[in-house]
Amino acid sequence: MANQIAVAGSMLALAESLVYAKAAGLSEEGVLNTISKGAAGSWSLDNYGPRILKGDFEPGFYVEHFLKDLKIIT
């Protein structure tokens, strides 16, 4: 469950950082490249980030299963 909590946080942070980059007029690709090389780097950034930028939103893990896992925590 600790892993699922960490993944949930990193996925949310990935999405928010890309939304911020776009709103700020920054290169989303450039932001993704920069943050993935620093302390924020993660498997999610490396694997889902490029897919998101290409408009590929095919699930890597279904939300219903993710929510099930997170509900086990409470």
PDB file of N, CA and C in Angstrom:
ATOM      1  N   MET A   1       0.813  -1.177   0.000  1.00  0.00           N
ATOM      2  CA  MET A   1       0.000   0.000   0.000  1.00  0.00           C
ATOM      3  C   MET A   1       0.873   1.263   0.000  1.00  0.00           C
ATOM      4  N   ALA A   2       2.028   1.176   0.641  1.00  0.00           N
ATOM      5  CA  ALA A   2       2.935   2.324   0.629  1.00  0.00           C
ATOM      6  C   ALA A   2       3.321   2.688  -0.797  1.00  0.00           C
ATOM      7  N   ASN A   3       3.541   1.679  -1.637  1.00  0.00           N
ATOM      8  CA  ASN A   3       3.869   1.921  -3.037  1.00  0.00           C
ATOM      9  C   ASN A   3       2.733   2.647  -3.737  1.00  0.00           C
ATOM     10  N   GLN A   4       1.488   2.225  -3.505  1.00  0.00           N
ATOM     11  CA  GLN A   4       0.344   2.841  -4.169  1.00  0.00           C
ATOM     12  C   GLN A   4       0.181   4.305  -3.753  1.00  0.00           C
ATOM     13  N   ILE A   5       0.446   4.601  -2.506  1.00  0.00           N
ATOM     14  CA  ILE A   5       0.388   5.993  -2.039  1.00  0.00           C
ATOM     15  C   ILE A   5       1.435   6.824  -2.771  1.00  0.00           C
ATOM     16  N   ALA A   6       2.648   6.296  -2.871  1.00  0.00           N
ATOM     17  CA  ALA A   6       3.720   7.021  -3.555  1.00  0.00           C
ATOM     18  C   ALA A   6       3.409   7.205  -5.036  1.00  0.00           C
ATOM     19  N   VAL A   7       2.871   6.173  -5.674  1.00  0.00           N
ATOM     20  CA  VAL A   7       2.533   6.269  -7.090  1.00  0.00           C
ATOM     21  C   VAL A   7       1.417   7.293  -7.304  1.00  0.00           C
ATOM     22  N   ALA A   8       0.412   7.278  -6.450  1.00  0.00           N
ATOM     23  CA  ALA A   8      -0.690   8.236  -6.572  1.00  0.00           C
ATOM     24  C   ALA A   8      -0.163   9.661  -6.509  1.00  0.00           C
ATOM     25  N   GLY A   9       0.720   9.911  -5.566  1.00  0.00           N
ATOM     26  CA  GLY A   9       1.296  11.248  -5.434  1.00  0.00           C
ATOM     27  C   GLY A   9       2.127  11.644  -6.641  1.00  0.00           C
ATOM     28  N   SER A  10       2.920  10.710  -7.149  1.00  0.00           N
ATOM     29  CA  SER A  10       3.778  11.051  -8.284  1.00  0.00           C
ATOM     30  C   SER A  10       2.966  11.251  -9.558  1.00  0.00           C
ATOM     31  N   MET A  11       1.904  10.489  -9.744  1.00  0.00           N
ATOM     32  CA  MET A  11       1.058  10.657 -10.933  1.00  0.00           C
ATOM     33  C   MET A  11       0.340  12.006 -10.890  1.00  0.00           C
ATOM     34  N   LEU A  12      -0.148  12.362  -9.716  1.00  0.00           N
ATOM     35  CA  LEU A  12      -0.802  13.665  -9.560  1.00  0.00           C
ATOM     36  C   LEU A  12       0.191  14.788  -9.828  1.00  0.00           C
ATOM     37  N   ALA A  13       1.392  14.660  -9.295  1.00  0.00           N
ATOM     38  CA  ALA A  13       2.414  15.682  -9.497  1.00  0.00           C
ATOM     39  C   ALA A  13       2.808  15.794 -10.971  1.00  0.00           C
ATOM     40  N   LEU A  14       2.897  14.681 -11.659  1.00  0.00           N
ATOM     41  CA  LEU A  14       3.211  14.688 -13.085  1.00  0.00           C
ATOM     42  C   LEU A  14       2.155  15.475 -13.854  1.00  0.00           C
ATOM     43  N   ALA A  15       0.903  15.149 -13.624  1.00  0.00           N
ATOM     44  CA  ALA A  15      -0.182  15.838 -14.328  1.00  0.00           C
ATOM     45  C   ALA A  15      -0.189  17.329 -14.010  1.00  0.00           C
ATOM     46  N   GLU A  16      -0.058  17.672 -12.758  1.00  0.00           N
ATOM     47  CA  GLU A  16      -0.079  19.078 -12.356  1.00  0.00           C
ATOM     48  C   GLU A  16       1.106  19.852 -12.934  1.00  0.00           C
ATOM     49  N   SER A  17       2.263  19.232 -12.984  1.00  0.00           N
ATOM     50  CA  SER A  17       3.432  19.935 -13.517  1.00  0.00           C
ATOM     51  C   SER A  17       3.267  20.218 -15.007  1.00  0.00           C
ATOM     52  N   LEU A  18       2.642  19.291 -15.742  1.00  0.00           N
ATOM     53  CA  LEU A  18       2.422  19.517 -17.166  1.00  0.00           C
ATOM     54  C   LEU A  18       1.342  20.563 -17.410  1.00  0.00           C
ATOM     55  N   VAL A  19       0.315  20.580 -16.574  1.00  0.00           N
ATOM     56  CA  VAL A  19      -0.723  21.620 -16.675  1.00  0.00           C
ATOM     57  C   VAL A  19      -0.111  22.985 -16.386  1.00  0.00           C
ATOM     58  N   TYR A  20       0.725  23.050 -15.345  1.00  0.00           N
ATOM     59  CA  TYR A  20       1.396  24.308 -15.009  1.00  0.00           C
ATOM     60  C   TYR A  20       2.289  24.769 -16.159  1.00  0.00           C
ATOM     61  N   ALA A  21       3.076  23.860 -16.702  1.00  0.00           N
ATOM     62  CA  ALA A  21       3.991  24.212 -17.792  1.00  0.00           C
ATOM     63  C   ALA A  21       3.221  24.821 -18.960  1.00  0.00           C
ATOM     64  N   LYS A  22       2.119  24.201 -19.325  1.00  0.00           N
ATOM     65  CA  LYS A  22       1.316  24.703 -20.441  1.00  0.00           C
ATOM     66  C   LYS A  22       0.742  26.082 -20.116  1.00  0.00           C
ATOM     67  N   ALA A  23       0.192  26.244 -18.917  1.00  0.00           N
ATOM     68  CA  ALA A  23      -0.402  27.522 -18.511  1.00  0.00           C
ATOM     69  C   ALA A  23       0.639  28.635 -18.451  1.00  0.00           C
ATOM     70  N   ALA A  24       1.864  28.284 -18.092  1.00  0.00           N
ATOM     71  CA  ALA A  24       2.936  29.276 -17.976  1.00  0.00           C
ATOM     72  C   ALA A  24       3.604  29.552 -19.321  1.00  0.00           C
ATOM     73  N   GLY A  25       3.172  28.861 -20.361  1.00  0.00           N
ATOM     74  CA  GLY A  25       3.759  29.065 -21.679  1.00  0.00           C
ATOM     75  C   GLY A  25       5.119  28.414 -21.843  1.00  0.00           C
ATOM     76  N   LEU A  26       5.402  27.437 -21.008  1.00  0.00           N
ATOM     77  CA  LEU A  26       6.683  26.737 -21.078  1.00  0.00           C
ATOM     78  C   LEU A  26       6.582  25.544 -22.023  1.00  0.00           C
ATOM     79  N   SER A  27       7.694  25.077 -22.472  1.00  0.00           N
ATOM     80  CA  SER A  27       7.726  23.862 -23.276  1.00  0.00           C
ATOM     81  C   SER A  27       7.439  22.685 -22.357  1.00  0.00           C
ATOM     82  N   GLU A  28       6.338  21.990 -22.610  1.00  0.00           N
ATOM     83  CA  GLU A  28       6.003  20.840 -21.770  1.00  0.00           C
ATOM     84  C   GLU A  28       7.077  19.758 -21.886  1.00  0.00           C
ATOM     85  N   GLU A  29       7.591  19.566 -23.081  1.00  0.00           N
ATOM     86  CA  GLU A  29       8.666  18.602 -23.286  1.00  0.00           C
ATOM     87  C   GLU A  29       9.917  19.002 -22.508  1.00  0.00           C
ATOM     88  N   GLY A  30      10.232  20.287 -22.564  1.00  0.00           N
ATOM     89  CA  GLY A  30      11.401  20.790 -21.844  1.00  0.00           C
ATOM     90  C   GLY A  30      11.258  20.636 -20.339  1.00  0.00           C
ATOM     91  N   VAL A  31      10.074  20.934 -19.825  1.00  0.00           N
ATOM     92  CA  VAL A  31       9.827  20.786 -18.387  1.00  0.00           C
ATOM     93  C   VAL A  31       9.946  19.318 -17.993  1.00  0.00           C
ATOM     94  N   LEU A  32       9.318  18.451 -18.764  1.00  0.00           N
ATOM     95  CA  LEU A  32       9.380  17.021 -18.469  1.00  0.00           C
ATOM     96  C   LEU A  32      10.831  16.532 -18.479  1.00  0.00           C
ATOM     97  N   ASN A  33      11.593  16.940 -19.469  1.00  0.00           N
ATOM     98  CA  ASN A  33      12.995  16.545 -19.574  1.00  0.00           C
ATOM     99  C   ASN A  33      13.799  17.051 -18.377  1.00  0.00           C
ATOM    100  N   THR A  34      13.551  18.283 -17.993  1.00  0.00           N
ATOM    101  CA  THR A  34      14.304  18.881 -16.890  1.00  0.00           C
ATOM    102  C   THR A  34      13.978  18.230 -15.553  1.00  0.00           C
ATOM    103  N   ILE A  35      12.696  18.115 -15.237  1.00  0.00           N
ATOM    104  CA  ILE A  35      12.355  17.579 -13.914  1.00  0.00           C
ATOM    105  C   ILE A  35      12.635  16.080 -13.795  1.00  0.00           C
ATOM    106  N   SER A  36      12.625  15.368 -14.908  1.00  0.00           N
ATOM    107  CA  SER A  36      12.890  13.930 -14.829  1.00  0.00           C
ATOM    108  C   SER A  36      14.351  13.642 -14.509  1.00  0.00           C
ATOM    109  N   LYS A  37      15.216  14.626 -14.723  1.00  0.00           N
ATOM    110  CA  LYS A  37      16.645  14.445 -14.442  1.00  0.00           C
ATOM    111  C   LYS A  37      17.018  14.822 -13.010  1.00  0.00           C
ATOM    112  N   GLY A  38      16.091  15.446 -12.288  1.00  0.00           N
ATOM    113  CA  GLY A  38      16.381  15.900 -10.932  1.00  0.00           C
ATOM    114  C   GLY A  38      15.716  15.032  -9.876  1.00  0.00           C
ATOM    115  N   ALA A  39      15.517  15.615  -8.711  1.00  0.00           N
ATOM    116  CA  ALA A  39      14.960  14.887  -7.569  1.00  0.00           C
ATOM    117  C   ALA A  39      13.540  14.398  -7.820  1.00  0.00           C
ATOM    118  N   ALA A  40      12.820  15.013  -8.753  1.00  0.00           N
ATOM    119  CA  ALA A  40      11.452  14.600  -9.052  1.00  0.00           C
ATOM    120  C   ALA A  40      11.396  13.427 -10.031  1.00  0.00           C
ATOM    121  N   GLY A  41      12.540  13.007 -10.529  1.00  0.00           N
ATOM    122  CA  GLY A  41      12.570  11.914 -11.496  1.00  0.00           C
ATOM    123  C   GLY A  41      11.914  10.653 -10.955  1.00  0.00           C
ATOM    124  N   SER A  42      11.190   9.950 -11.825  1.00  0.00           N
ATOM    125  CA  SER A  42      10.504   8.726 -11.407  1.00  0.00           C
ATOM    126  C   SER A  42      10.164   7.861 -12.613  1.00  0.00           C
ATOM    127  N   TRP A  43       9.762   6.653 -12.337  1.00  0.00           N
ATOM    128  CA  TRP A  43       9.323   5.737 -13.377  1.00  0.00           C
ATOM    129  C   TRP A  43       8.124   6.333 -14.106  1.00  0.00           C
ATOM    130  N   SER A  44       7.206   6.917 -13.366  1.00  0.00           N
ATOM    131  CA  SER A  44       6.012   7.518 -13.974  1.00  0.00           C
ATOM    132  C   SER A  44       6.382   8.639 -14.936  1.00  0.00           C
ATOM    133  N   LEU A  45       7.292   9.504 -14.527  1.00  0.00           N
ATOM    134  CA  LEU A  45       7.738  10.585 -15.404  1.00  0.00           C
ATOM    135  C   LEU A  45       8.363  10.028 -16.675  1.00  0.00           C
ATOM    136  N   ASP A  46       9.231   9.058 -16.524  1.00  0.00           N
ATOM    137  CA  ASP A  46       9.940   8.494 -17.681  1.00  0.00           C
ATOM    138  C   ASP A  46       9.024   7.734 -18.634  1.00  0.00           C
ATOM    139  N   ASN A  47       8.030   7.069 -18.096  1.00  0.00           N
ATOM    140  CA  ASN A  47       7.186   6.213 -18.926  1.00  0.00           C
ATOM    141  C   ASN A  47       5.864   6.841 -19.330  1.00  0.00           C
ATOM    142  N   TYR A  48       5.216   7.523 -18.420  1.00  0.00           N
ATOM    143  CA  TYR A  48       3.916   8.119 -18.741  1.00  0.00           C
ATOM    144  C   TYR A  48       4.031   9.529 -19.289  1.00  0.00           C
ATOM    145  N   GLY A  49       5.031  10.273 -18.851  1.00  0.00           N
ATOM    146  CA  GLY A  49       5.195  11.657 -19.312  1.00  0.00           C
ATOM    147  C   GLY A  49       5.239  11.789 -20.823  1.00  0.00           C
ATOM    148  N   PRO A  50       6.128  11.081 -21.499  1.00  0.00           N
ATOM    149  CA  PRO A  50       6.189  11.181 -22.963  1.00  0.00           C
ATOM    150  C   PRO A  50       4.885  10.740 -23.639  1.00  0.00           C
ATOM    151  N   ARG A  51       4.246   9.717 -23.091  1.00  0.00           N
ATOM    152  CA  ARG A  51       2.970   9.268 -23.655  1.00  0.00           C
ATOM    153  C   ARG A  51       1.903  10.352 -23.527  1.00  0.00           C
ATOM    154  N   ILE A  52       1.862  11.005 -22.378  1.00  0.00           N
ATOM    155  CA  ILE A  52       0.877  12.066 -22.157  1.00  0.00           C
ATOM    156  C   ILE A  52       1.103  13.195 -23.162  1.00  0.00           C
ATOM    157  N   LEU A  53       2.360  13.576 -23.356  1.00  0.00           N
ATOM    158  CA  LEU A  53       2.655  14.664 -24.288  1.00  0.00           C
ATOM    159  C   LEU A  53       2.264  14.316 -25.721  1.00  0.00           C
ATOM    160  N   LYS A  54       2.249  13.034 -26.058  1.00  0.00           N
ATOM    161  CA  LYS A  54       1.834  12.602 -27.394  1.00  0.00           C
ATOM    162  C   LYS A  54       0.315  12.440 -27.501  1.00  0.00           C
ATOM    163  N   GLY A  55      -0.395  12.648 -26.380  1.00  0.00           N
ATOM    164  CA  GLY A  55      -1.841  12.481 -26.382  1.00  0.00           C
ATOM    165  C   GLY A  55      -2.270  11.031 -26.212  1.00  0.00           C
ATOM    166  N   ASP A  56      -1.348  10.177 -25.793  1.00  0.00           N
ATOM    167  CA  ASP A  56      -1.637   8.761 -25.571  1.00  0.00           C
ATOM    168  C   ASP A  56      -2.055   8.570 -24.117  1.00  0.00           C
ATOM    169  N   PHE A  57      -3.348   8.416 -23.902  1.00  0.00           N
ATOM    170  CA  PHE A  57      -3.875   8.280 -22.548  1.00  0.00           C
ATOM    171  C   PHE A  57      -4.365   6.862 -22.260  1.00  0.00           C
ATOM    172  N   GLU A  58      -3.840   5.895 -23.015  1.00  0.00           N
ATOM    173  CA  GLU A  58      -4.187   4.507 -22.729  1.00  0.00           C
ATOM    174  C   GLU A  58      -3.724   4.187 -21.307  1.00  0.00           C
ATOM    175  N   PRO A  59      -4.578   3.514 -20.547  1.00  0.00           N
ATOM    176  CA  PRO A  59      -4.210   3.245 -19.154  1.00  0.00           C
ATOM    177  C   PRO A  59      -3.062   2.253 -19.040  1.00  0.00           C
ATOM    178  N   GLY A  60      -2.196   2.521 -18.090  1.00  0.00           N
ATOM    179  CA  GLY A  60      -1.159   1.566 -17.738  1.00  0.00           C
ATOM    180  C   GLY A  60      -1.660   0.723 -16.578  1.00  0.00           C
ATOM    181  N   PHE A  61      -2.632   1.264 -15.888  1.00  0.00           N
ATOM    182  CA  PHE A  61      -3.266   0.613 -14.740  1.00  0.00           C
ATOM    183  C   PHE A  61      -4.621   1.271 -14.619  1.00  0.00           C
ATOM    184  N   TYR A  62      -5.654   0.487 -14.489  1.00  0.00           N
ATOM    185  CA  TYR A  62      -7.008   1.050 -14.483  1.00  0.00           C
ATOM    186  C   TYR A  62      -7.329   1.754 -13.170  1.00  0.00           C
ATOM    187  N   VAL A  63      -7.990   2.887 -13.281  1.00  0.00           N
ATOM    188  CA  VAL A  63      -8.328   3.715 -12.127  1.00  0.00           C
ATOM    189  C   VAL A  63      -9.145   2.922 -11.111  1.00  0.00           C
ATOM    190  N   GLU A  64     -10.049   2.090 -11.574  1.00  0.00           N
ATOM    191  CA  GLU A  64     -10.877   1.321 -10.641  1.00  0.00           C
ATOM    192  C   GLU A  64     -10.020   0.437  -9.732  1.00  0.00           C
ATOM    193  N   HIS A  65      -8.951  -0.129 -10.259  1.00  0.00           N
ATOM    194  CA  HIS A  65      -8.060  -0.955  -9.443  1.00  0.00           C
ATOM    195  C   HIS A  65      -7.216  -0.085  -8.512  1.00  0.00           C
ATOM    196  N   PHE A  66      -6.826   1.052  -9.026  1.00  0.00           N
ATOM    197  CA  PHE A  66      -6.045   1.994  -8.230  1.00  0.00           C
ATOM    198  C   PHE A  66      -6.862   2.473  -7.027  1.00  0.00           C
ATOM    199  N   LEU A  67      -8.114   2.840  -7.273  1.00  0.00           N
ATOM    200  CA  LEU A  67      -8.987   3.287  -6.182  1.00  0.00           C
ATOM    201  C   LEU A  67      -9.229   2.164  -5.184  1.00  0.00           C
ATOM    202  N   LYS A  68      -9.390   0.949  -5.679  1.00  0.00           N
ATOM    203  CA  LYS A  68      -9.558  -0.203  -4.776  1.00  0.00           C
ATOM    204  C   LYS A  68      -8.365  -0.303  -3.840  1.00  0.00           C
ATOM    205  N   ASP A  69      -7.171  -0.184  -4.412  1.00  0.00           N
ATOM    206  CA  ASP A  69      -5.961  -0.267  -3.590  1.00  0.00           C
ATOM    207  C   ASP A  69      -5.899   0.866  -2.572  1.00  0.00           C
ATOM    208  N   LEU A  70      -6.243   2.082  -3.003  1.00  0.00           N
ATOM    209  CA  LEU A  70      -6.187   3.211  -2.080  1.00  0.00           C
ATOM    210  C   LEU A  70      -7.238   3.094  -0.973  1.00  0.00           C
ATOM    211  N   LYS A  71      -8.372   2.494  -1.281  1.00  0.00           N
ATOM    212  CA  LYS A  71      -9.414   2.313  -0.252  1.00  0.00           C
ATOM    213  C   LYS A  71      -8.976   1.304   0.798  1.00  0.00           C
ATOM    214  N   ILE A  72      -8.140   0.358   0.436  1.00  0.00           N
ATOM    215  CA  ILE A  72      -7.639  -0.621   1.407  1.00  0.00           C
ATOM    216  C   ILE A  72      -6.847   0.085   2.503  1.00  0.00           C
ATOM    217  N   ILE A  73      -6.222   1.198   2.141  1.00  0.00           N
ATOM    218  CA  ILE A  73      -5.388   1.942   3.081  1.00  0.00           C
ATOM    219  C   ILE A  73      -6.208   2.538   4.234  1.00  0.00           C
ATOM    220  N   THR A  74      -7.426   2.985   3.923  1.00  0.00           N
ATOM    221  CA  THR A  74      -8.233   3.678   4.941  1.00  0.00           C
ATOM    222  C   THR A  74      -8.893   2.747   5.905  1.00  0.00           C
TER     223      THR A  74
END
